[in-house]
N, C-alpha and C. Protein backbone atom coordinates (compact mmCIF):
# COMPACT_ATOMS: atom_id res chain seq x y z
N MET A 1 0.83 -1.18 0.00
CA MET A 1 0.00 0.00 0.00
C MET A 1 0.88 1.25 0.00
N ASN A 2 0.65 2.10 -0.98
CA ASN A 2 1.40 3.34 -1.05
C ASN A 2 0.81 4.38 -0.12
N MET A 3 1.69 5.03 0.62
CA MET A 3 1.27 6.08 1.53
C MET A 3 1.57 7.43 0.89
N THR A 4 0.74 8.39 1.20
CA THR A 4 0.99 9.74 0.73
C THR A 4 1.99 10.41 1.67
N LEU A 5 2.57 11.50 1.22
CA LEU A 5 3.50 12.24 2.06
C LEU A 5 2.78 12.74 3.31
N LYS A 6 1.56 13.19 3.15
CA LYS A 6 0.79 13.68 4.30
C LYS A 6 0.62 12.57 5.33
N ASP A 7 0.31 11.35 4.87
CA ASP A 7 0.17 10.21 5.80
C ASP A 7 1.48 9.95 6.54
N LEU A 8 2.59 9.98 5.80
CA LEU A 8 3.89 9.72 6.42
C LEU A 8 4.26 10.82 7.41
N LEU A 9 3.97 12.05 7.04
CA LEU A 9 4.27 13.17 7.95
C LEU A 9 3.43 13.07 9.23
N GLU A 10 2.17 12.72 9.07
CA GLU A 10 1.29 12.54 10.25
C GLU A 10 1.83 11.42 11.14
N LYS A 11 2.19 10.32 10.52
CA LYS A 11 2.66 9.15 11.26
C LYS A 11 3.95 9.46 12.02
N ARG A 12 4.83 10.26 11.44
CA ARG A 12 6.14 10.53 12.04
C ARG A 12 6.26 11.95 12.59
N ARG A 13 5.14 12.60 12.79
CA ARG A 13 5.13 14.01 13.22
C ARG A 13 5.95 14.22 14.48
N SER A 14 5.79 13.37 15.46
CA SER A 14 6.50 13.53 16.74
C SER A 14 8.01 13.47 16.54
N ALA A 15 8.48 12.49 15.78
CA ALA A 15 9.92 12.35 15.53
C ALA A 15 10.44 13.55 14.74
N ILE A 16 9.69 13.98 13.74
CA ILE A 16 10.11 15.13 12.93
C ILE A 16 10.16 16.38 13.79
N SER A 17 9.14 16.57 14.61
CA SER A 17 9.09 17.73 15.49
C SER A 17 10.28 17.76 16.44
N THR A 18 10.59 16.63 17.05
CA THR A 18 11.72 16.54 17.98
C THR A 18 13.04 16.81 17.27
N LYS A 19 13.22 16.22 16.10
CA LYS A 19 14.48 16.42 15.37
C LYS A 19 14.61 17.85 14.86
N TRP A 20 13.50 18.45 14.47
CA TRP A 20 13.55 19.84 14.02
C TRP A 20 13.90 20.75 15.19
N PHE A 21 13.27 20.52 16.34
CA PHE A 21 13.60 21.30 17.54
C PHE A 21 15.09 21.17 17.85
N ASP A 22 15.61 19.94 17.84
CA ASP A 22 17.03 19.72 18.12
C ASP A 22 17.93 20.43 17.10
N ALA A 23 17.52 20.41 15.84
CA ALA A 23 18.31 21.09 14.79
C ALA A 23 18.33 22.59 15.03
N ILE A 24 17.21 23.15 15.47
CA ILE A 24 17.15 24.58 15.77
C ILE A 24 18.07 24.91 16.95
N ILE A 25 17.97 24.12 17.98
CA ILE A 25 18.77 24.36 19.18
C ILE A 25 20.26 24.21 18.87
N ASP A 26 20.59 23.34 17.94
CA ASP A 26 21.99 23.15 17.55
C ASP A 26 22.58 24.37 16.84
N THR A 27 21.73 25.33 16.45
CA THR A 27 22.25 26.56 15.85
C THR A 27 22.81 27.51 16.91
N TYR A 28 22.61 27.17 18.18
CA TYR A 28 23.13 27.98 19.29
C TYR A 28 24.47 27.42 19.76
N PRO A 29 25.26 28.24 20.43
CA PRO A 29 26.51 27.74 21.00
C PRO A 29 26.24 26.58 21.97
N ALA A 30 27.21 25.70 22.14
CA ALA A 30 27.05 24.49 22.95
C ALA A 30 26.56 24.80 24.37
N ASP A 31 27.06 25.86 24.98
CA ASP A 31 26.65 26.21 26.34
C ASP A 31 25.15 26.47 26.41
N ASP A 32 24.63 27.21 25.44
CA ASP A 32 23.21 27.55 25.42
C ASP A 32 22.36 26.37 24.98
N SER A 33 22.81 25.63 23.99
CA SER A 33 21.99 24.55 23.44
C SER A 33 21.73 23.46 24.47
N GLY A 34 22.71 23.17 25.30
CA GLY A 34 22.50 22.16 26.34
C GLY A 34 21.38 22.55 27.28
N PHE A 35 21.38 23.80 27.71
CA PHE A 35 20.33 24.29 28.60
C PHE A 35 18.98 24.28 27.89
N LEU A 36 18.95 24.75 26.65
CA LEU A 36 17.69 24.84 25.91
C LEU A 36 17.06 23.47 25.68
N LYS A 37 17.89 22.45 25.51
CA LYS A 37 17.38 21.10 25.28
C LYS A 37 16.93 20.43 26.58
N LYS A 38 17.71 20.62 27.63
CA LYS A 38 17.46 19.87 28.87
C LYS A 38 16.38 20.48 29.74
N GLN A 39 16.31 21.78 29.82
CA GLN A 39 15.38 22.44 30.73
C GLN A 39 14.00 22.52 30.07
N LYS A 40 13.02 21.84 30.62
CA LYS A 40 11.70 21.75 30.01
C LYS A 40 10.69 22.74 30.58
N ASP A 41 10.97 23.33 31.73
CA ASP A 41 10.03 24.23 32.38
C ASP A 41 9.89 25.52 31.58
N ARG A 42 8.65 25.91 31.31
CA ARG A 42 8.43 27.10 30.47
C ARG A 42 8.84 28.39 31.15
N PHE A 43 8.90 28.40 32.49
CA PHE A 43 9.30 29.61 33.19
C PHE A 43 10.82 29.70 33.32
N THR A 44 11.46 28.57 33.47
CA THR A 44 12.92 28.53 33.55
C THR A 44 13.54 28.68 32.17
N ASN A 45 12.85 28.17 31.16
CA ASN A 45 13.38 28.15 29.80
C ASN A 45 12.30 28.64 28.82
N PRO A 46 11.97 29.92 28.86
CA PRO A 46 10.91 30.41 27.97
C PRO A 46 11.27 30.30 26.48
N VAL A 47 12.55 30.40 26.15
CA VAL A 47 12.96 30.28 24.75
C VAL A 47 12.71 28.86 24.25
N GLY A 48 13.13 27.87 25.02
CA GLY A 48 12.89 26.47 24.64
C GLY A 48 11.41 26.17 24.52
N HIS A 49 10.63 26.70 25.45
CA HIS A 49 9.18 26.49 25.43
C HIS A 49 8.57 27.14 24.19
N THR A 50 8.99 28.34 23.87
CA THR A 50 8.49 29.05 22.68
C THR A 50 8.83 28.26 21.42
N PHE A 51 10.05 27.74 21.36
CA PHE A 51 10.46 26.97 20.19
C PHE A 51 9.68 25.66 20.08
N THR A 52 9.48 24.98 21.19
CA THR A 52 8.73 23.71 21.17
C THR A 52 7.32 23.94 20.65
N ARG A 53 6.64 24.91 21.22
CA ARG A 53 5.26 25.20 20.78
C ARG A 53 5.24 25.65 19.33
N GLY A 54 6.19 26.48 18.95
CA GLY A 54 6.24 26.98 17.58
C GLY A 54 6.48 25.89 16.57
N VAL A 55 7.44 25.02 16.85
CA VAL A 55 7.77 23.92 15.95
C VAL A 55 6.55 23.02 15.75
N GLU A 56 5.90 22.67 16.83
CA GLU A 56 4.74 21.78 16.74
C GLU A 56 3.60 22.43 15.95
N SER A 57 3.34 23.69 16.21
CA SER A 57 2.23 24.38 15.55
C SER A 57 2.52 24.63 14.07
N ILE A 58 3.73 25.03 13.76
CA ILE A 58 4.09 25.26 12.36
C ILE A 58 4.02 23.96 11.58
N LEU A 59 4.57 22.90 12.15
CA LEU A 59 4.53 21.61 11.49
C LEU A 59 3.09 21.13 11.27
N GLU A 60 2.27 21.33 12.26
CA GLU A 60 0.85 20.96 12.15
C GLU A 60 0.18 21.72 11.00
N ALA A 61 0.45 23.01 10.89
CA ALA A 61 -0.13 23.81 9.81
C ALA A 61 0.38 23.36 8.45
N LEU A 62 1.66 23.06 8.36
CA LEU A 62 2.22 22.61 7.09
C LEU A 62 1.65 21.25 6.67
N ILE A 63 1.56 20.34 7.60
CA ILE A 63 1.04 19.01 7.30
C ILE A 63 -0.44 19.08 6.95
N GLY A 64 -1.17 19.87 7.69
CA GLY A 64 -2.61 19.97 7.48
C GLY A 64 -3.00 20.77 6.25
N GLY A 65 -2.02 21.39 5.62
CA GLY A 65 -2.31 22.19 4.44
C GLY A 65 -3.06 23.46 4.78
N GLU A 66 -2.97 23.88 6.04
CA GLU A 66 -3.66 25.08 6.49
C GLU A 66 -3.02 26.32 5.87
N ASP A 67 -3.77 27.39 5.90
CA ASP A 67 -3.26 28.67 5.46
C ASP A 67 -2.09 29.04 6.38
N MET A 68 -1.02 29.50 5.80
CA MET A 68 0.16 29.83 6.59
C MET A 68 -0.12 30.91 7.63
N ASN A 69 -1.15 31.70 7.44
CA ASN A 69 -1.49 32.73 8.42
C ASN A 69 -1.82 32.13 9.77
N ASP A 70 -2.29 30.88 9.79
CA ASP A 70 -2.60 30.22 11.06
C ASP A 70 -1.35 29.94 11.89
N SER A 71 -0.22 29.75 11.24
CA SER A 71 1.01 29.44 11.96
C SER A 71 1.86 30.68 12.20
N ILE A 72 1.44 31.82 11.69
CA ILE A 72 2.25 33.03 11.83
C ILE A 72 2.48 33.44 13.28
N PRO A 73 1.48 33.36 14.17
CA PRO A 73 1.78 33.77 15.56
C PRO A 73 2.95 32.96 16.16
N PHE A 74 3.02 31.69 15.85
CA PHE A 74 4.09 30.86 16.39
C PHE A 74 5.41 31.16 15.69
N LEU A 75 5.35 31.38 14.41
CA LEU A 75 6.53 31.77 13.65
C LEU A 75 7.03 33.12 14.15
N ASN A 76 6.10 34.02 14.37
CA ASN A 76 6.40 35.36 14.88
C ASN A 76 7.15 35.26 16.22
N ASP A 77 6.69 34.39 17.11
CA ASP A 77 7.34 34.24 18.42
C ASP A 77 8.78 33.78 18.29
N ILE A 78 9.02 32.81 17.43
CA ILE A 78 10.38 32.29 17.24
C ILE A 78 11.27 33.37 16.61
N ILE A 79 10.75 34.05 15.61
CA ILE A 79 11.54 35.08 14.93
C ILE A 79 11.88 36.22 15.88
N LYS A 80 10.94 36.61 16.73
CA LYS A 80 11.22 37.68 17.71
C LYS A 80 12.43 37.31 18.57
N VAL A 81 12.44 36.08 19.05
CA VAL A 81 13.55 35.63 19.89
C VAL A 81 14.85 35.72 19.12
N ARG A 82 14.85 35.24 17.90
CA ARG A 82 16.09 35.22 17.12
C ARG A 82 16.51 36.63 16.68
N ALA A 83 15.56 37.53 16.48
CA ALA A 83 15.89 38.91 16.12
C ALA A 83 16.53 39.62 17.31
N ILE A 84 16.01 39.40 18.49
CA ILE A 84 16.56 40.02 19.69
C ILE A 84 17.96 39.49 19.98
N GLN A 85 18.19 38.24 19.63
CA GLN A 85 19.49 37.62 19.89
C GLN A 85 20.54 37.99 18.85
N ASN A 86 20.22 38.92 17.99
CA ASN A 86 21.15 39.45 17.00
C ASN A 86 21.68 38.42 16.01
N PHE A 87 20.87 37.45 15.66
CA PHE A 87 21.25 36.55 14.58
C PHE A 87 21.27 37.35 13.28
N ALA A 88 22.18 37.02 12.41
CA ALA A 88 22.16 37.59 11.06
C ALA A 88 20.86 37.12 10.41
N PRO A 89 20.32 37.87 9.46
CA PRO A 89 19.05 37.46 8.84
C PRO A 89 19.06 36.02 8.32
N SER A 90 20.13 35.63 7.66
CA SER A 90 20.19 34.26 7.13
C SER A 90 20.17 33.22 8.24
N LYS A 91 20.84 33.50 9.34
CA LYS A 91 20.86 32.57 10.47
C LYS A 91 19.54 32.59 11.26
N ALA A 92 18.89 33.75 11.28
CA ALA A 92 17.64 33.87 12.02
C ALA A 92 16.54 33.01 11.41
N ILE A 93 16.51 32.91 10.09
CA ILE A 93 15.45 32.12 9.46
C ILE A 93 15.95 30.75 8.96
N GLU A 94 17.19 30.46 9.20
CA GLU A 94 17.76 29.18 8.79
C GLU A 94 16.96 27.99 9.33
N PHE A 95 16.38 28.15 10.52
CA PHE A 95 15.67 27.03 11.15
C PHE A 95 14.52 26.51 10.29
N ILE A 96 13.95 27.36 9.46
CA ILE A 96 12.84 26.92 8.61
C ILE A 96 13.35 25.93 7.57
N PHE A 97 14.49 26.24 6.99
CA PHE A 97 15.06 25.35 5.97
C PHE A 97 15.56 24.04 6.57
N LEU A 98 15.88 24.05 7.86
CA LEU A 98 16.31 22.82 8.52
C LEU A 98 15.20 21.78 8.50
N LEU A 99 13.95 22.23 8.44
CA LEU A 99 12.83 21.29 8.38
C LEU A 99 12.91 20.42 7.13
N LYS A 100 13.32 20.99 6.02
CA LYS A 100 13.46 20.19 4.78
C LYS A 100 14.43 19.03 5.01
N LYS A 101 15.56 19.35 5.59
CA LYS A 101 16.58 18.33 5.84
C LYS A 101 16.05 17.26 6.78
N VAL A 102 15.38 17.68 7.84
CA VAL A 102 14.85 16.73 8.81
C VAL A 102 13.83 15.80 8.15
N VAL A 103 12.93 16.35 7.36
CA VAL A 103 11.91 15.52 6.70
C VAL A 103 12.56 14.55 5.73
N ARG A 104 13.51 15.01 4.95
CA ARG A 104 14.18 14.12 3.99
C ARG A 104 14.93 12.99 4.71
N GLU A 105 15.60 13.31 5.80
CA GLU A 105 16.33 12.28 6.53
C GLU A 105 15.37 11.30 7.21
N GLU A 106 14.32 11.81 7.80
CA GLU A 106 13.37 10.96 8.53
C GLU A 106 12.56 10.06 7.60
N LEU A 107 12.24 10.54 6.40
CA LEU A 107 11.37 9.80 5.49
C LEU A 107 12.07 9.33 4.22
N GLU A 108 13.38 9.33 4.23
CA GLU A 108 14.16 9.01 3.03
C GLU A 108 13.71 7.71 2.36
N LYS A 109 13.66 6.66 3.11
CA LYS A 109 13.30 5.34 2.57
C LYS A 109 11.86 5.34 2.03
N GLU A 110 10.94 5.88 2.80
CA GLU A 110 9.53 5.90 2.41
C GLU A 110 9.29 6.76 1.18
N ILE A 111 10.04 7.86 1.06
CA ILE A 111 9.89 8.73 -0.10
C ILE A 111 10.25 7.97 -1.37
N ARG A 112 11.34 7.21 -1.31
CA ARG A 112 11.74 6.40 -2.47
C ARG A 112 10.74 5.28 -2.74
N GLN A 113 10.35 4.57 -1.69
CA GLN A 113 9.44 3.43 -1.84
C GLN A 113 8.09 3.84 -2.41
N ASN A 114 7.57 4.94 -1.94
CA ASN A 114 6.24 5.37 -2.35
C ASN A 114 6.24 6.32 -3.54
N GLN A 115 7.43 6.63 -4.05
CA GLN A 115 7.59 7.52 -5.20
C GLN A 115 6.76 8.79 -5.05
N ILE A 116 7.06 9.52 -3.99
CA ILE A 116 6.29 10.73 -3.68
C ILE A 116 7.16 11.99 -3.76
N ASN A 117 8.11 11.98 -4.67
CA ASN A 117 8.98 13.15 -4.83
C ASN A 117 8.21 14.41 -5.20
N ASP A 118 7.17 14.27 -6.03
CA ASP A 118 6.38 15.44 -6.41
C ASP A 118 5.67 16.03 -5.19
N GLU A 119 5.13 15.16 -4.34
CA GLU A 119 4.49 15.64 -3.11
C GLU A 119 5.51 16.33 -2.21
N LEU A 120 6.70 15.75 -2.14
CA LEU A 120 7.76 16.33 -1.32
C LEU A 120 8.13 17.72 -1.83
N LEU A 121 8.23 17.87 -3.14
CA LEU A 121 8.55 19.19 -3.72
C LEU A 121 7.46 20.21 -3.37
N GLY A 122 6.22 19.79 -3.39
CA GLY A 122 5.12 20.67 -3.01
C GLY A 122 5.21 21.09 -1.54
N PHE A 123 5.54 20.12 -0.68
CA PHE A 123 5.69 20.40 0.75
C PHE A 123 6.86 21.36 0.98
N GLU A 124 7.96 21.11 0.29
CA GLU A 124 9.13 21.97 0.43
C GLU A 124 8.86 23.38 -0.11
N SER A 125 7.99 23.49 -1.09
CA SER A 125 7.60 24.80 -1.60
C SER A 125 6.85 25.58 -0.52
N LYS A 126 6.02 24.90 0.26
CA LYS A 126 5.33 25.55 1.38
C LYS A 126 6.34 26.04 2.43
N ILE A 127 7.38 25.25 2.64
CA ILE A 127 8.43 25.65 3.58
C ILE A 127 9.14 26.90 3.07
N ASP A 128 9.40 26.94 1.76
CA ASP A 128 10.03 28.13 1.17
C ASP A 128 9.15 29.36 1.36
N ASP A 129 7.84 29.20 1.14
CA ASP A 129 6.90 30.31 1.35
C ASP A 129 6.94 30.78 2.80
N LEU A 130 7.02 29.84 3.71
CA LEU A 130 7.09 30.17 5.13
C LEU A 130 8.37 30.96 5.43
N ALA A 131 9.45 30.59 4.77
CA ALA A 131 10.73 31.30 4.97
C ALA A 131 10.63 32.76 4.50
N LEU A 132 9.90 32.98 3.42
CA LEU A 132 9.72 34.36 2.95
C LEU A 132 8.92 35.18 3.96
N ILE A 133 7.89 34.58 4.51
CA ILE A 133 7.10 35.24 5.55
C ILE A 133 7.99 35.53 6.76
N ALA A 134 8.81 34.55 7.12
CA ALA A 134 9.71 34.71 8.28
C ALA A 134 10.69 35.86 8.06
N PHE A 135 11.18 36.00 6.84
CA PHE A 135 12.13 37.08 6.57
C PHE A 135 11.46 38.44 6.76
N ASP A 136 10.21 38.56 6.28
CA ASP A 136 9.48 39.81 6.48
C ASP A 136 9.29 40.11 7.96
N ILE A 137 8.94 39.10 8.73
CA ILE A 137 8.76 39.27 10.18
C ILE A 137 10.08 39.69 10.82
N TYR A 138 11.17 39.03 10.44
CA TYR A 138 12.49 39.37 10.99
C TYR A 138 12.83 40.83 10.69
N ALA A 139 12.62 41.26 9.46
CA ALA A 139 12.95 42.64 9.08
C ALA A 139 12.14 43.63 9.91
N LYS A 140 10.85 43.36 10.12
CA LYS A 140 10.03 44.25 10.95
C LYS A 140 10.53 44.29 12.39
N CYS A 141 10.87 43.13 12.93
CA CYS A 141 11.38 43.07 14.30
C CYS A 141 12.67 43.87 14.44
N ARG A 142 13.58 43.71 13.51
CA ARG A 142 14.84 44.44 13.57
C ARG A 142 14.62 45.94 13.43
N ASP A 143 13.68 46.34 12.57
CA ASP A 143 13.35 47.77 12.45
C ASP A 143 12.81 48.31 13.77
N GLN A 144 11.93 47.54 14.41
CA GLN A 144 11.37 47.97 15.69
C GLN A 144 12.44 48.05 16.76
N LEU A 145 13.35 47.10 16.76
CA LEU A 145 14.45 47.15 17.73
C LEU A 145 15.32 48.38 17.50
N SER A 146 15.59 48.70 16.26
CA SER A 146 16.38 49.89 15.95
C SER A 146 15.67 51.15 16.42
N GLU A 147 14.36 51.21 16.21
CA GLU A 147 13.60 52.37 16.68
C GLU A 147 13.66 52.48 18.20
N LEU A 148 13.53 51.36 18.87
CA LEU A 148 13.61 51.37 20.33
C LEU A 148 14.97 51.87 20.81
N LYS A 149 16.03 51.41 20.17
CA LYS A 149 17.38 51.84 20.54
C LYS A 149 17.57 53.33 20.28
N THR A 150 17.05 53.81 19.15
CA THR A 150 17.14 55.23 18.83
C THR A 150 16.38 56.07 19.84
N ASP A 151 15.18 55.64 20.18
CA ASP A 151 14.38 56.37 21.17
C ASP A 151 15.07 56.39 22.52
N GLU A 152 15.67 55.30 22.90
CA GLU A 152 16.38 55.24 24.19
C GLU A 152 17.58 56.17 24.17
N LEU A 153 18.30 56.21 23.07
CA LEU A 153 19.44 57.10 22.95
C LEU A 153 19.01 58.57 23.04
N LYS A 154 17.89 58.89 22.39
CA LYS A 154 17.36 60.25 22.47
C LYS A 154 17.01 60.61 23.92
N ARG A 155 16.34 59.70 24.59
CA ARG A 155 15.96 59.93 25.99
C ARG A 155 17.19 60.13 26.87
N MET A 156 18.18 59.28 26.68
CA MET A 156 19.40 59.39 27.48
C MET A 156 20.11 60.71 27.21
N THR A 157 20.20 61.09 25.93
CA THR A 157 20.87 62.34 25.56
C THR A 157 20.12 63.53 26.15
N PHE A 158 18.81 63.54 26.01
CA PHE A 158 18.01 64.63 26.57
C PHE A 158 18.21 64.72 28.07
N SER A 159 18.18 63.57 28.72
CA SER A 159 18.34 63.53 30.18
C SER A 159 19.70 64.07 30.59
N LEU A 160 20.75 63.67 29.89
CA LEU A 160 22.11 64.15 30.20
C LEU A 160 22.24 65.66 29.96
N LEU A 161 21.69 66.13 28.85
CA LEU A 161 21.76 67.56 28.56
C LEU A 161 20.97 68.37 29.58
N LYS A 162 19.85 67.84 29.99
CA LYS A 162 19.05 68.53 31.00
C LYS A 162 19.79 68.58 32.34
N LYS A 163 20.42 67.47 32.71
CA LYS A 163 21.19 67.44 33.96
C LYS A 163 22.35 68.42 33.91
N ALA A 164 22.91 68.62 32.74
CA ALA A 164 24.03 69.55 32.59
C ALA A 164 23.53 70.99 32.39
N ASN A 165 22.23 71.18 32.53
CA ASN A 165 21.59 72.48 32.35
C ASN A 165 21.84 73.08 30.96
N LEU A 166 21.98 72.22 29.98
CA LEU A 166 22.16 72.70 28.61
C LEU A 166 20.84 72.73 27.86
N MET A 167 19.83 72.09 28.41
CA MET A 167 18.51 72.09 27.79
C MET A 167 17.48 72.29 28.88
N SER A 168 16.55 73.17 28.60
CA SER A 168 15.51 73.34 29.60
C SER A 168 14.16 73.65 28.98
N GLU A 169 14.12 74.05 27.72
CA GLU A 169 12.87 74.50 27.13
C GLU A 169 12.20 73.46 26.23
N ILE A 170 12.85 72.36 25.91
CA ILE A 170 12.26 71.36 25.03
C ILE A 170 11.38 70.45 25.88
N PRO A 171 10.12 70.32 25.52
CA PRO A 171 9.23 69.45 26.32
C PRO A 171 9.73 68.01 26.28
N ALA A 172 9.67 67.37 27.43
CA ALA A 172 10.13 65.99 27.54
C ALA A 172 9.30 65.05 26.69
N GLN A 173 8.07 65.44 26.35
CA GLN A 173 7.21 64.56 25.57
C GLN A 173 7.80 64.25 24.20
N GLU A 174 8.61 65.15 23.66
CA GLU A 174 9.22 64.88 22.36
C GLU A 174 10.17 63.69 22.41
N PHE A 175 10.61 63.35 23.61
CA PHE A 175 11.58 62.27 23.74
C PHE A 175 11.01 61.05 24.45
N GLU A 176 9.70 61.05 24.68
CA GLU A 176 9.10 59.91 25.39
C GLU A 176 9.12 58.69 24.50
N HIS A 177 9.12 57.59 25.16
CA HIS A 177 9.14 56.28 24.50
C HIS A 177 7.85 56.05 23.72
N LYS A 178 7.98 55.68 22.48
CA LYS A 178 6.81 55.33 21.68
C LYS A 178 6.33 53.96 22.11
N ASP A 179 5.06 53.72 21.92
CA ASP A 179 4.50 52.42 22.27
C ASP A 179 4.77 51.46 21.11
N LEU A 180 5.96 50.92 21.08
CA LEU A 180 6.35 49.98 20.04
C LEU A 180 6.26 48.57 20.60
N ASN A 181 5.46 47.78 20.00
CA ASN A 181 5.45 46.37 20.39
C ASN A 181 5.67 45.55 19.13
N PHE A 182 5.76 44.28 19.30
CA PHE A 182 6.09 43.42 18.17
C PHE A 182 4.85 42.79 17.55
N ASN A 183 3.74 43.49 17.54
CA ASN A 183 2.55 42.97 16.87
C ASN A 183 2.71 43.16 15.38
N ILE A 184 2.77 42.07 14.71
CA ILE A 184 3.00 42.11 13.27
C ILE A 184 1.80 41.51 12.57
């Protein structure tokens, strides 16, 4: 009986999810990756918890053929973490492409046996689309971080000038922190 790629992905979802999570964590230095893998508590390890939930939800959306917008909140959470951690853009979204490798390694034999290369190409195309969405999210996050840093620098400069009695007539409201959040 020939199985479809969707059937195989459903059957091996747990293994794929675990291996994808491990591949993502392996993009971190050894000191950090050990903690991220071992510590399961969401309060002690919020990054690991965010990645676990994100990986599972993104994979579920990809397998289910759902609209990618359904997985964006989880993708957004992972990208925010990686943007704050100053990953280069290519490294920040690299984790999405790691899913292709994990799926090919996990299902290599079945893909050949069931001759489902066309289905695999379609699935990988969805992953590529997800990577494009991730890049847009990363760019917005980095822009927001830059704005926050600029606003903080303005506030600090204003505060220092005011303390030195070099500024007294400019209203402080011009330098107040904007309400910037990462809602994308």
